[in-house]
Structure formats: structure tokens, C-alpha cells
Amino acid sequence: MKDIVTVGVDGTPQALAAAQWAAHEARLRQSRLRLLTAWQPLTAKPRPPWAPEMQHWPDRIIEEARATVASAEPGVAVEVRLVREPPLKALVEAAEQTDLLALGSRGLGPAARFTLGRTGLELVPRVTVPIVLVRARHDRPPTEEGSGVAVGVSLHAACENLLAFAFETAARRAVPLRAVHGRNLPPFAYDRGGAVERAAAEQAELFAREELSQALRPWREKFGDVRVEEQVVMESPAPALMHGAAGTQLLIVGRRHLGPGVPRIGHVVHAAVHHAPCPVAIVPHE
């Protein structure tokens, strides 16, 4: 543990929302909060008339973020990093020195969907620490968006890091944890005409519930104070997870860390960052 929570700030409302969320997380973890802004200096000649003004932008961005943090979470220890290099490079390097990285993400329309920018899309598969994507809200702060946290559990591979993060997060916040598992009905649940056979579907769902309970049992025993809701949805994992995230303050999803040279994210993570109604934590695991 490095006892540092880092947030990338760029002067946008989304970044300020992420700074507020990160400050709250840092207080819960009793960690330092690091405000990071990165930019590339202008090198073009001749310099445009507004170029001298741009030299002060990083300081203004940091000071605005610092003020937002001080107002939302007074007492949190804050440190600043101003880096003259491309944002993606700066964030990848910052991830090596932090326990968690927070970024802002744009919301579109009444559905408040996430639009993950180019930097975020390239960053997510390149780091080995959890990344939290936070959108700006005008009606309430990002730390008060729901009554619990949700985690998507696939059951197809080991996900120790994912479940550890989920249970620790719920324990820190003293809120319930909703463990959501989605899977399609197996072929034997359909008759020859393509209709669902009720008894077979119920058997498949029961089997899925038993698997989920077995996977969660050791974590329930370790985190006895965390109230856990097990939710099995017999449909594709992505839509099942979106339904399961309703009314929560954070959705936690796993991403298999495939190592360097494989910069991609899975379809479930992609769906979460574009459609979840709350902040999304992406946790890499083997």
C-alpha cells in the first residue's frame, strides 16, 4: 500500500467531480490525495497572442481543484503534481505510485451515460491499479449517489483482487454490497421450438446462485460486518450488471490484466463505463 489516491484534473467539471470523489476516498482510506495535471508546452513559432496566458493554466487548474477538495473534505492531506508531458504518459507513470486513480468522465443527456475519452480508453488497459471514472452531477455530489455499492462477478475466472476491492470498499463506507452475476440461459433450458422451459430455467438459475454463494462465502466470513445481497440475473452479463447497479453509489467491475502489449478492455467493462448511472471502478485482476 502506497497510501496515495491520485486524481487527474484538467479544469473540467468532470475532473472536479472526480477530485471530490477522490478526496472522499482518501479520507476513508486515511491516505494522501495527489492532484495531478499534465500538459504539453506550446512549441510552435510564432507563439499566438494567447500563449502567455496558457502558461498559467496548470496553476489555475490545480488551485481550483484544491479549493474544491478543501470545501468537500477539509482535513485531507493534499499534494500537487504538475507534469510537462502528455497526459497519458503522466497518468501511466502516476499509476505506479498510487493505490487508486480517479478520472472525470463526461455525462450525455438524461441517461447520464459515460463517454470515456481517448486518454481514458488508452489508459484503462495499461495500468495495474483500480481506476474510478466519475461524471459531474449538478443535483448532488458524486459521493452521495446511492445507498450501497455493486460488484459484477463473472465466476468464469479467479477474481480475488476484484472481490477484495469490493468488500473493502463496502466496509470502509459501511454500506451494503450487491454482488451481481449475469449469465445467459443454457441450451437445455429451451425446447425444440425455442421457448423457455420453466423447470430447466429455474434449475439453471439455482445452479448459478449456488456458484455465486460459494464464491462469496470466504469473503462473507472475512468481512462479517458487510451486508451482502446476492443477485443472479439470467441474461447477458452487461445488461444484468446495469440493472444491478441501479440505486448504488459505485459500480465495481473487473478487467483481466493481460500484461503489456494487449491494450483492450472487455465488452462488460465497455458497457459499464458508457452506461452505468454512477461512478465506475475498474479493477484489474489476473
C-alpha atoms as a PDB file:
ATOM      1  CA  MET A   1       0.000   0.000   0.000  1.00  0.00           C
ATOM      2  CA  LYS A   2       1.298   3.413  -1.006  1.00  0.00           C
ATOM      3  CA  ASP A   3      -1.371   5.344   0.933  1.00  0.00           C
ATOM      4  CA  ILE A   4      -1.953   7.672  -2.010  1.00  0.00           C
ATOM      5  CA  VAL A   5      -5.108   8.314  -4.017  1.00  0.00           C
ATOM      6  CA  THR A   6      -4.410  10.179  -7.272  1.00  0.00           C
ATOM      7  CA  VAL A   7      -6.849  12.174  -9.367  1.00  0.00           C
ATOM      8  CA  GLY A   8      -6.169  13.636 -12.801  1.00  0.00           C
ATOM      9  CA  VAL A   9      -7.527  17.180 -13.138  1.00  0.00           C
ATOM     10  CA  ASP A  10      -7.850  19.296 -16.276  1.00  0.00           C
ATOM     11  CA  GLY A  11     -10.197  22.114 -15.291  1.00  0.00           C
ATOM     12  CA  THR A  12     -13.421  20.424 -16.465  1.00  0.00           C
ATOM     13  CA  PRO A  13     -16.496  19.891 -14.240  1.00  0.00           C
ATOM     14  CA  GLN A  14     -15.969  16.152 -14.630  1.00  0.00           C
ATOM     15  CA  ALA A  15     -12.432  16.398 -13.265  1.00  0.00           C
ATOM     16  CA  LEU A  16     -13.631  18.467 -10.301  1.00  0.00           C
ATOM     17  CA  ALA A  17     -16.269  15.830  -9.563  1.00  0.00           C
ATOM     18  CA  ALA A  18     -13.532  13.193  -9.708  1.00  0.00           C
ATOM     19  CA  ALA A  19     -11.386  15.279  -7.333  1.00  0.00           C
ATOM     20  CA  GLN A  20     -14.279  15.474  -4.879  1.00  0.00           C
ATOM     21  CA  TRP A  21     -14.839  11.711  -5.092  1.00  0.00           C
ATOM     22  CA  ALA A  22     -11.111  11.020  -4.695  1.00  0.00           C
ATOM     23  CA  ALA A  23     -10.886  13.309  -1.665  1.00  0.00           C
ATOM     24  CA  HIS A  24     -13.722  11.402  -0.011  1.00  0.00           C
ATOM     25  CA  GLU A  25     -11.987   8.109  -0.799  1.00  0.00           C
ATOM     26  CA  ALA A  26      -8.679   9.407   0.555  1.00  0.00           C
ATOM     27  CA  ARG A  27     -10.371  10.390   3.824  1.00  0.00           C
ATOM     28  CA  LEU A  28     -11.954   6.947   4.149  1.00  0.00           C
ATOM     29  CA  ARG A  29      -8.603   5.284   3.478  1.00  0.00           C
ATOM     30  CA  GLN A  30      -6.716   7.802   5.675  1.00  0.00           C
ATOM     31  CA  SER A  31      -4.459   8.365   2.675  1.00  0.00           C
ATOM     32  CA  ARG A  32      -2.920  11.364   0.961  1.00  0.00           C
ATOM     33  CA  LEU A  33      -4.664  12.866  -2.039  1.00  0.00           C
ATOM     34  CA  ARG A  34      -2.497  13.701  -5.038  1.00  0.00           C
ATOM     35  CA  LEU A  35      -3.781  16.240  -7.577  1.00  0.00           C
ATOM     36  CA  LEU A  36      -2.163  15.656 -10.955  1.00  0.00           C
ATOM     37  CA  THR A  37      -2.348  17.840 -14.039  1.00  0.00           C
ATOM     38  CA  ALA A  38      -0.309  17.230 -17.172  1.00  0.00           C
ATOM     39  CA  TRP A  39       0.141  19.366 -20.244  1.00  0.00           C
ATOM     40  CA  GLN A  40       2.407  19.742 -23.227  1.00  0.00           C
ATOM     41  CA  PRO A  41       4.046  23.186 -23.550  1.00  0.00           C
ATOM     42  CA  LEU A  42       3.480  25.058 -26.771  1.00  0.00           C
ATOM     43  CA  THR A  43       6.464  24.852 -29.085  1.00  0.00           C
ATOM     44  CA  ALA A  44       5.026  26.360 -32.246  1.00  0.00           C
ATOM     45  CA  LYS A  45       6.583  29.571 -33.578  1.00  0.00           C
ATOM     46  CA  PRO A  46       5.469  32.284 -33.737  1.00  0.00           C
ATOM     47  CA  ARG A  47       3.517  31.926 -30.493  1.00  0.00           C
ATOM     48  CA  PRO A  48      -0.133  33.044 -30.668  1.00  0.00           C
ATOM     49  CA  PRO A  49      -1.232  36.110 -28.652  1.00  0.00           C
ATOM     50  CA  TRP A  50      -2.976  33.949 -26.042  1.00  0.00           C
ATOM     51  CA  ALA A  51       0.028  31.660 -25.431  1.00  0.00           C
ATOM     52  CA  PRO A  52       1.434  33.580 -22.404  1.00  0.00           C
ATOM     53  CA  GLU A  53      -1.935  33.206 -20.707  1.00  0.00           C
ATOM     54  CA  MET A  54      -1.840  29.429 -21.219  1.00  0.00           C
ATOM     55  CA  GLN A  55       1.317  29.195 -19.107  1.00  0.00           C
ATOM     56  CA  HIS A  56      -0.790  29.941 -16.030  1.00  0.00           C
ATOM     57  CA  TRP A  57      -3.498  27.379 -16.782  1.00  0.00           C
ATOM     58  CA  PRO A  58      -1.927  24.454 -14.886  1.00  0.00           C
ATOM     59  CA  ASP A  59      -1.665  26.537 -11.705  1.00  0.00           C
ATOM     60  CA  ARG A  60      -5.266  27.695 -12.057  1.00  0.00           C
ATOM     61  CA  ILE A  61      -6.486  24.134 -12.644  1.00  0.00           C
ATOM     62  CA  ILE A  62      -4.682  22.881  -9.549  1.00  0.00           C
ATOM     63  CA  GLU A  63      -5.871  25.740  -7.349  1.00  0.00           C
ATOM     64  CA  GLU A  64      -9.478  25.238  -8.422  1.00  0.00           C
ATOM     65  CA  ALA A  65      -9.213  21.515  -7.668  1.00  0.00           C
ATOM     66  CA  ARG A  66      -7.548  22.238  -4.326  1.00  0.00           C
ATOM     67  CA  ALA A  67     -10.368  24.623  -3.385  1.00  0.00           C
ATOM     68  CA  THR A  68     -12.992  22.054  -4.360  1.00  0.00           C
ATOM     69  CA  VAL A  69     -11.289  19.408  -2.231  1.00  0.00           C
ATOM     70  CA  ALA A  70     -10.862  21.725   0.755  1.00  0.00           C
ATOM     71  CA  SER A  71     -14.560  22.578   0.661  1.00  0.00           C
ATOM     72  CA  ALA A  72     -15.760  18.985   0.254  1.00  0.00           C
ATOM     73  CA  GLU A  73     -13.307  17.157   2.520  1.00  0.00           C
ATOM     74  CA  PRO A  74     -11.460  19.563   4.841  1.00  0.00           C
ATOM     75  CA  GLY A  75      -8.503  17.999   6.588  1.00  0.00           C
ATOM     76  CA  VAL A  76      -7.470  15.638   3.804  1.00  0.00           C
ATOM     77  CA  ALA A  77      -3.727  15.846   3.151  1.00  0.00           C
ATOM     78  CA  VAL A  78      -3.210  17.142  -0.387  1.00  0.00           C
ATOM     79  CA  GLU A  79      -0.103  17.152  -2.553  1.00  0.00           C
ATOM     80  CA  VAL A  80       0.299  18.501  -6.071  1.00  0.00           C
ATOM     81  CA  ARG A  81       1.991  17.235  -9.232  1.00  0.00           C
ATOM     82  CA  LEU A  82       2.322  19.464 -12.303  1.00  0.00           C
ATOM     83  CA  VAL A  83       3.866  17.444 -15.120  1.00  0.00           C
ATOM     84  CA  ARG A  84       5.038  18.745 -18.501  1.00  0.00           C
ATOM     85  CA  GLU A  85       4.358  15.682 -20.603  1.00  0.00           C
ATOM     86  CA  PRO A  86       1.439  14.074 -22.452  1.00  0.00           C
ATOM     87  CA  PRO A  87      -1.485  13.233 -20.112  1.00  0.00           C
ATOM     88  CA  LEU A  88      -1.489   9.524 -20.979  1.00  0.00           C
ATOM     89  CA  LYS A  89       2.203   9.144 -20.180  1.00  0.00           C
ATOM     90  CA  ALA A  90       1.822  11.124 -16.947  1.00  0.00           C
ATOM     91  CA  LEU A  91      -1.154   9.052 -15.797  1.00  0.00           C
ATOM     92  CA  VAL A  92       0.543   5.727 -16.555  1.00  0.00           C
ATOM     93  CA  GLU A  93       3.554   6.837 -14.525  1.00  0.00           C
ATOM     94  CA  ALA A  94       1.320   8.134 -11.725  1.00  0.00           C
ATOM     95  CA  ALA A  95      -0.459   4.775 -11.529  1.00  0.00           C
ATOM     96  CA  GLU A  96       2.794   3.145 -10.462  1.00  0.00           C
ATOM     97  CA  GLN A  97       2.945   5.396  -7.403  1.00  0.00           C
ATOM     98  CA  THR A  98      -0.645   5.209  -6.199  1.00  0.00           C
ATOM     99  CA  ASP A  99      -3.221   2.789  -4.810  1.00  0.00           C
ATOM    100  CA  LEU A 100      -6.109   4.163  -6.856  1.00  0.00           C
ATOM    101  CA  LEU A 101      -6.509   6.547  -9.792  1.00  0.00           C
ATOM    102  CA  ALA A 102      -9.629   8.692 -10.355  1.00  0.00           C
ATOM    103  CA  LEU A 103     -10.618  10.424 -13.592  1.00  0.00           C
ATOM    104  CA  GLY A 104     -13.527  12.547 -14.741  1.00  0.00           C
ATOM    105  CA  SER A 105     -15.880  11.227 -17.403  1.00  0.00           C
ATOM    106  CA  ARG A 106     -18.463  13.153 -19.432  1.00  0.00           C
ATOM    107  CA  GLY A 107     -22.199  12.535 -18.997  1.00  0.00           C
ATOM    108  CA  LEU A 108     -24.523  12.780 -22.006  1.00  0.00           C
ATOM    109  CA  GLY A 109     -28.225  13.555 -21.904  1.00  0.00           C
ATOM    110  CA  PRO A 110     -30.871  12.398 -19.421  1.00  0.00           C
ATOM    111  CA  ALA A 111     -29.449   8.876 -19.313  1.00  0.00           C
ATOM    112  CA  ALA A 112     -26.184  10.369 -17.932  1.00  0.00           C
ATOM    113  CA  ARG A 113     -24.052   7.929 -19.868  1.00  0.00           C
ATOM    114  CA  PHE A 114     -20.314   7.874 -19.613  1.00  0.00           C
ATOM    115  CA  THR A 115     -18.235   8.880 -22.590  1.00  0.00           C
ATOM    116  CA  LEU A 116     -14.725   7.724 -21.921  1.00  0.00           C
ATOM    117  CA  GLY A 117     -12.275   9.931 -23.811  1.00  0.00           C
ATOM    118  CA  ARG A 118      -9.323   8.771 -25.846  1.00  0.00           C
ATOM    119  CA  THR A 119      -6.893   9.121 -22.937  1.00  0.00           C
ATOM    120  CA  GLY A 120      -9.131   7.041 -20.682  1.00  0.00           C
ATOM    121  CA  LEU A 121      -9.661   4.335 -23.291  1.00  0.00           C
ATOM    122  CA  GLU A 122      -5.910   4.002 -23.745  1.00  0.00           C
ATOM    123  CA  LEU A 123      -5.160   4.244 -20.039  1.00  0.00           C
ATOM    124  CA  VAL A 124      -7.537   1.627 -18.606  1.00  0.00           C
ATOM    125  CA  PRO A 125      -5.851  -1.467 -20.091  1.00  0.00           C
ATOM    126  CA  ARG A 126      -2.342  -0.189 -19.361  1.00  0.00           C
ATOM    127  CA  VAL A 127      -2.378   0.154 -15.585  1.00  0.00           C
ATOM    128  CA  THR A 128      -2.428  -2.373 -12.766  1.00  0.00           C
ATOM    129  CA  VAL A 129      -4.269  -0.293 -10.151  1.00  0.00           C
ATOM    130  CA  PRO A 130      -8.020   0.335  -9.880  1.00  0.00           C
ATOM    131  CA  ILE A 131      -9.325   3.272 -11.910  1.00  0.00           C
ATOM    132  CA  VAL A 132     -12.514   5.095 -10.911  1.00  0.00           C
ATOM    133  CA  LEU A 133     -14.428   7.099 -13.523  1.00  0.00           C
ATOM    134  CA  VAL A 134     -16.624   9.875 -12.146  1.00  0.00           C
ATOM    135  CA  ARG A 135     -19.085  12.057 -14.013  1.00  0.00           C
ATOM    136  CA  ALA A 136     -20.217  15.524 -12.990  1.00  0.00           C
ATOM    137  CA  ARG A 137     -23.603  15.839 -11.313  1.00  0.00           C
ATOM    138  CA  HIS A 138     -25.414  19.131 -10.802  1.00  0.00           C
ATOM    139  CA  ASP A 139     -28.044  17.886  -8.354  1.00  0.00           C
ATOM    140  CA  ARG A 140     -25.794  16.169  -5.808  1.00  0.00           C
ATOM    141  CA  PRO A 141     -22.121  15.340  -5.214  1.00  0.00           C
ATOM    142  CA  PRO A 142     -20.697  12.062  -6.574  1.00  0.00           C
ATOM    143  CA  THR A 143     -20.224  10.716  -3.039  1.00  0.00           C
ATOM    144  CA  GLU A 144     -23.979  10.703  -2.332  1.00  0.00           C
ATOM    145  CA  GLU A 145     -25.437   8.966  -5.354  1.00  0.00           C
ATOM    146  CA  GLY A 146     -26.716   5.759  -3.757  1.00  0.00           C
ATOM    147  CA  SER A 147     -27.076   3.638  -0.676  1.00  0.00           C
ATOM    148  CA  GLY A 148     -24.594   0.868  -1.428  1.00  0.00           C
ATOM    149  CA  VAL A 149     -22.021  -0.476  -3.867  1.00  0.00           C
ATOM    150  CA  ALA A 150     -22.385  -3.143  -6.537  1.00  0.00           C
ATOM    151  CA  VAL A 151     -19.833  -5.543  -7.987  1.00  0.00           C
ATOM    152  CA  GLY A 152     -20.092  -7.669 -11.088  1.00  0.00           C
ATOM    153  CA  VAL A 153     -18.948 -11.262 -10.507  1.00  0.00           C
ATOM    154  CA  SER A 154     -18.291 -13.407 -13.577  1.00  0.00           C
ATOM    155  CA  LEU A 155     -17.434 -16.773 -11.891  1.00  0.00           C
ATOM    156  CA  HIS A 156     -15.518 -17.818 -15.024  1.00  0.00           C
ATOM    157  CA  ALA A 157     -12.078 -16.990 -13.630  1.00  0.00           C
ATOM    158  CA  ALA A 158     -10.376 -16.197 -10.339  1.00  0.00           C
ATOM    159  CA  CYS A 159     -11.150 -12.633  -9.266  1.00  0.00           C
ATOM    160  CA  GLU A 160      -9.578 -12.284  -5.842  1.00  0.00           C
ATOM    161  CA  ASN A 161      -8.463  -8.679  -6.408  1.00  0.00           C
ATOM    162  CA  LEU A 162     -11.947  -7.692  -7.563  1.00  0.00           C
ATOM    163  CA  LEU A 163     -13.755  -9.170  -4.567  1.00  0.00           C
ATOM    164  CA  ALA A 164     -11.159  -7.833  -2.134  1.00  0.00           C
ATOM    165  CA  PHE A 165     -11.650  -4.329  -3.529  1.00  0.00           C
ATOM    166  CA  ALA A 166     -15.441  -4.656  -3.414  1.00  0.00           C
ATOM    167  CA  PHE A 167     -15.647  -5.911   0.173  1.00  0.00           C
ATOM    168  CA  GLU A 168     -13.054  -3.422   1.410  1.00  0.00           C
ATOM    169  CA  THR A 169     -14.927  -0.577  -0.282  1.00  0.00           C
ATOM    170  CA  ALA A 170     -18.253  -1.583   1.253  1.00  0.00           C
ATOM    171  CA  ALA A 171     -16.629  -1.995   4.669  1.00  0.00           C
ATOM    172  CA  ARG A 172     -14.985   1.450   4.527  1.00  0.00           C
ATOM    173  CA  ARG A 173     -18.278   3.072   3.608  1.00  0.00           C
ATOM    174  CA  ALA A 174     -20.348   0.943   5.999  1.00  0.00           C
ATOM    175  CA  VAL A 175     -22.849   0.228   3.201  1.00  0.00           C
ATOM    176  CA  PRO A 176     -24.334  -2.960   1.741  1.00  0.00           C
ATOM    177  CA  LEU A 177     -22.602  -4.791  -1.092  1.00  0.00           C
ATOM    178  CA  ARG A 178     -24.654  -6.089  -4.013  1.00  0.00           C
ATOM    179  CA  ALA A 179     -22.912  -8.949  -5.817  1.00  0.00           C
ATOM    180  CA  VAL A 180     -24.387  -9.266  -9.307  1.00  0.00           C
ATOM    181  CA  HIS A 181     -23.904 -12.242 -11.598  1.00  0.00           C
ATOM    182  CA  GLY A 182     -25.418 -12.417 -15.060  1.00  0.00           C
ATOM    183  CA  ARG A 183     -25.424 -15.388 -17.420  1.00  0.00           C
ATOM    184  CA  ASN A 184     -27.461 -16.486 -20.393  1.00  0.00           C
ATOM    185  CA  LEU A 185     -29.765 -19.456 -20.081  1.00  0.00           C
ATOM    186  CA  PRO A 186     -28.034 -22.674 -21.199  1.00  0.00           C
ATOM    187  CA  PRO A 187     -29.251 -24.520 -24.333  1.00  0.00           C
ATOM    188  CA  PHE A 188     -31.044 -27.204 -22.282  1.00  0.00           C
ATOM    189  CA  ALA A 189     -33.398 -24.516 -20.933  1.00  0.00           C
ATOM    190  CA  TYR A 190     -35.072 -24.199 -24.354  1.00  0.00           C
ATOM    191  CA  ASP A 191     -37.412 -26.654 -26.049  1.00  0.00           C
ATOM    192  CA  ARG A 192     -37.221 -27.560 -29.721  1.00  0.00           C
ATOM    193  CA  GLY A 193     -39.427 -24.631 -30.627  1.00  0.00           C
ATOM    194  CA  GLY A 194     -37.134 -22.148 -28.911  1.00  0.00           C
ATOM    195  CA  ALA A 195     -39.430 -21.473 -25.959  1.00  0.00           C
ATOM    196  CA  VAL A 196     -38.018 -21.448 -22.430  1.00  0.00           C
ATOM    197  CA  GLU A 197     -38.807 -24.497 -20.339  1.00  0.00           C
ATOM    198  CA  ARG A 198     -39.621 -23.109 -16.916  1.00  0.00           C
ATOM    199  CA  ALA A 199     -38.306 -26.017 -14.861  1.00  0.00           C
ATOM    200  CA  ALA A 200     -34.999 -26.094 -16.732  1.00  0.00           C
ATOM    201  CA  ALA A 201     -34.588 -22.320 -16.419  1.00  0.00           C
ATOM    202  CA  GLU A 202     -35.207 -22.482 -12.683  1.00  0.00           C
ATOM    203  CA  GLN A 203     -32.667 -25.296 -12.366  1.00  0.00           C
ATOM    204  CA  ALA A 204     -30.057 -23.216 -14.235  1.00  0.00           C
ATOM    205  CA  GLU A 205     -30.737 -20.206 -12.026  1.00  0.00           C
ATOM    206  CA  LEU A 206     -30.465 -22.301  -8.863  1.00  0.00           C
ATOM    207  CA  PHE A 207     -27.122 -23.663 -10.026  1.00  0.00           C
ATOM    208  CA  ALA A 208     -25.876 -20.117 -10.711  1.00  0.00           C
ATOM    209  CA  ARG A 209     -26.980 -18.968  -7.252  1.00  0.00           C
ATOM    210  CA  GLU A 210     -25.122 -21.845  -5.621  1.00  0.00           C
ATOM    211  CA  GLU A 211     -21.966 -20.965  -7.568  1.00  0.00           C
ATOM    212  CA  LEU A 212     -22.195 -17.306  -6.581  1.00  0.00           C
ATOM    213  CA  SER A 213     -22.770 -18.146  -2.921  1.00  0.00           C
ATOM    214  CA  GLN A 214     -19.788 -20.478  -2.912  1.00  0.00           C
ATOM    215  CA  ALA A 215     -17.535 -17.823  -4.452  1.00  0.00           C
ATOM    216  CA  LEU A 216     -18.618 -15.232  -1.888  1.00  0.00           C
ATOM    217  CA  ARG A 217     -18.586 -17.460   1.200  1.00  0.00           C
ATOM    218  CA  PRO A 218     -14.948 -16.872   2.268  1.00  0.00           C
ATOM    219  CA  TRP A 219     -15.350 -13.118   1.755  1.00  0.00           C
ATOM    220  CA  ARG A 220     -18.541 -13.063   3.821  1.00  0.00           C
ATOM    221  CA  GLU A 221     -16.660 -14.792   6.614  1.00  0.00           C
ATOM    222  CA  LYS A 222     -13.730 -12.355   6.390  1.00  0.00           C
ATOM    223  CA  PHE A 223     -15.974  -9.262   6.262  1.00  0.00           C
ATOM    224  CA  GLY A 224     -18.669 -10.254   8.695  1.00  0.00           C
ATOM    225  CA  ASP A 225     -19.920  -6.682   9.141  1.00  0.00           C
ATOM    226  CA  VAL A 226     -20.671  -6.211   5.436  1.00  0.00           C
ATOM    227  CA  ARG A 227     -24.256  -6.945   4.482  1.00  0.00           C
ATOM    228  CA  VAL A 228     -24.224  -8.783   1.147  1.00  0.00           C
ATOM    229  CA  GLU A 229     -27.043  -9.077  -1.353  1.00  0.00           C
ATOM    230  CA  GLU A 230     -26.556 -11.821  -3.920  1.00  0.00           C
ATOM    231  CA  GLN A 231     -28.286 -11.121  -7.210  1.00  0.00           C
ATOM    232  CA  VAL A 232     -28.398 -13.560 -10.130  1.00  0.00           C
ATOM    233  CA  VAL A 233     -29.882 -12.370 -13.408  1.00  0.00           C
ATOM    234  CA  MET A 234     -30.397 -14.875 -16.195  1.00  0.00           C
ATOM    235  CA  GLU A 235     -29.395 -12.608 -19.065  1.00  0.00           C
ATOM    236  CA  SER A 236     -26.176 -11.369 -20.656  1.00  0.00           C
ATOM    237  CA  PRO A 237     -23.657 -10.064 -18.085  1.00  0.00           C
ATOM    238  CA  ALA A 238     -23.563  -6.469 -19.371  1.00  0.00           C
ATOM    239  CA  PRO A 239     -27.288  -5.661 -19.119  1.00  0.00           C
ATOM    240  CA  ALA A 240     -27.537  -7.692 -15.910  1.00  0.00           C
ATOM    241  CA  LEU A 241     -24.839  -5.503 -14.385  1.00  0.00           C
ATOM    242  CA  MET A 242     -26.578  -2.303 -15.465  1.00  0.00           C
ATOM    243  CA  HIS A 243     -29.774  -3.453 -13.757  1.00  0.00           C
ATOM    244  CA  GLY A 244     -27.801  -4.408 -10.668  1.00  0.00           C
ATOM    245  CA  ALA A 245     -26.136  -1.000 -10.453  1.00  0.00           C
ATOM    246  CA  ALA A 246     -29.421   0.848 -10.035  1.00  0.00           C
ATOM    247  CA  GLY A 247     -29.525   2.870  -6.825  1.00  0.00           C
ATOM    248  CA  THR A 248     -25.867   2.323  -5.896  1.00  0.00           C
ATOM    249  CA  GLN A 249     -23.109   4.862  -5.286  1.00  0.00           C
ATOM    250  CA  LEU A 250     -20.401   2.861  -7.046  1.00  0.00           C
ATOM    251  CA  LEU A 251     -20.282   0.053  -9.600  1.00  0.00           C
ATOM    252  CA  ILE A 252     -17.195  -2.175  -9.449  1.00  0.00           C
ATOM    253  CA  VAL A 253     -16.202  -4.245 -12.462  1.00  0.00           C
ATOM    254  CA  GLY A 254     -13.236  -6.464 -13.133  1.00  0.00           C
ATOM    255  CA  ARG A 255     -10.824  -6.353 -16.034  1.00  0.00           C
ATOM    256  CA  ARG A 256      -8.453  -9.169 -16.781  1.00  0.00           C
ATOM    257  CA  HIS A 257      -4.935  -7.779 -16.803  1.00  0.00           C
ATOM    258  CA  LEU A 258      -3.340  -9.415 -19.823  1.00  0.00           C
ATOM    259  CA  GLY A 259       0.037  -7.721 -19.488  1.00  0.00           C
ATOM    260  CA  PRO A 260       1.863  -5.299 -21.783  1.00  0.00           C
ATOM    261  CA  GLY A 261       1.072  -5.293 -25.466  1.00  0.00           C
ATOM    262  CA  VAL A 262      -2.623  -6.171 -25.060  1.00  0.00           C
ATOM    263  CA  PRO A 263      -4.320  -2.753 -24.755  1.00  0.00           C
ATOM    264  CA  ARG A 264      -8.006  -3.663 -24.758  1.00  0.00           C
ATOM    265  CA  ILE A 265     -10.962  -3.818 -22.428  1.00  0.00           C
ATOM    266  CA  GLY A 266     -13.765  -6.350 -22.365  1.00  0.00           C
ATOM    267  CA  HIS A 267     -17.326  -5.718 -23.512  1.00  0.00           C
ATOM    268  CA  VAL A 268     -18.688  -5.728 -19.948  1.00  0.00           C
ATOM    269  CA  VAL A 269     -16.250  -3.018 -18.866  1.00  0.00           C
ATOM    270  CA  HIS A 270     -17.003  -1.091 -22.037  1.00  0.00           C
ATOM    271  CA  ALA A 271     -20.730  -1.246 -21.312  1.00  0.00           C
ATOM    272  CA  ALA A 272     -20.217  -0.190 -17.702  1.00  0.00           C
ATOM    273  CA  VAL A 273     -18.184   2.923 -18.487  1.00  0.00           C
ATOM    274  CA  HIS A 274     -20.693   4.026 -21.124  1.00  0.00           C
ATOM    275  CA  HIS A 275     -23.996   3.226 -19.438  1.00  0.00           C
ATOM    276  CA  ALA A 276     -23.629   2.970 -15.650  1.00  0.00           C
ATOM    277  CA  PRO A 277     -25.671   5.571 -13.703  1.00  0.00           C
ATOM    278  CA  CYS A 278     -22.969   6.027 -11.055  1.00  0.00           C
ATOM    279  CA  PRO A 279     -19.142   6.185 -10.730  1.00  0.00           C
ATOM    280  CA  VAL A 280     -17.423   3.060 -12.051  1.00  0.00           C
ATOM    281  CA  ALA A 281     -14.370   1.374 -10.523  1.00  0.00           C
ATOM    282  CA  ILE A 282     -12.382  -0.835 -12.907  1.00  0.00           C
ATOM    283  CA  VAL A 283     -10.254  -3.344 -11.026  1.00  0.00           C
ATOM    284  CA  PRO A 284      -7.557  -5.319 -12.884  1.00  0.00           C
ATOM    285  CA  HIS A 285      -7.076  -8.948 -11.926  1.00  0.00           C
ATOM    286  CA  GLU A 286      -5.226 -11.943 -13.303  1.00  0.00           C
END
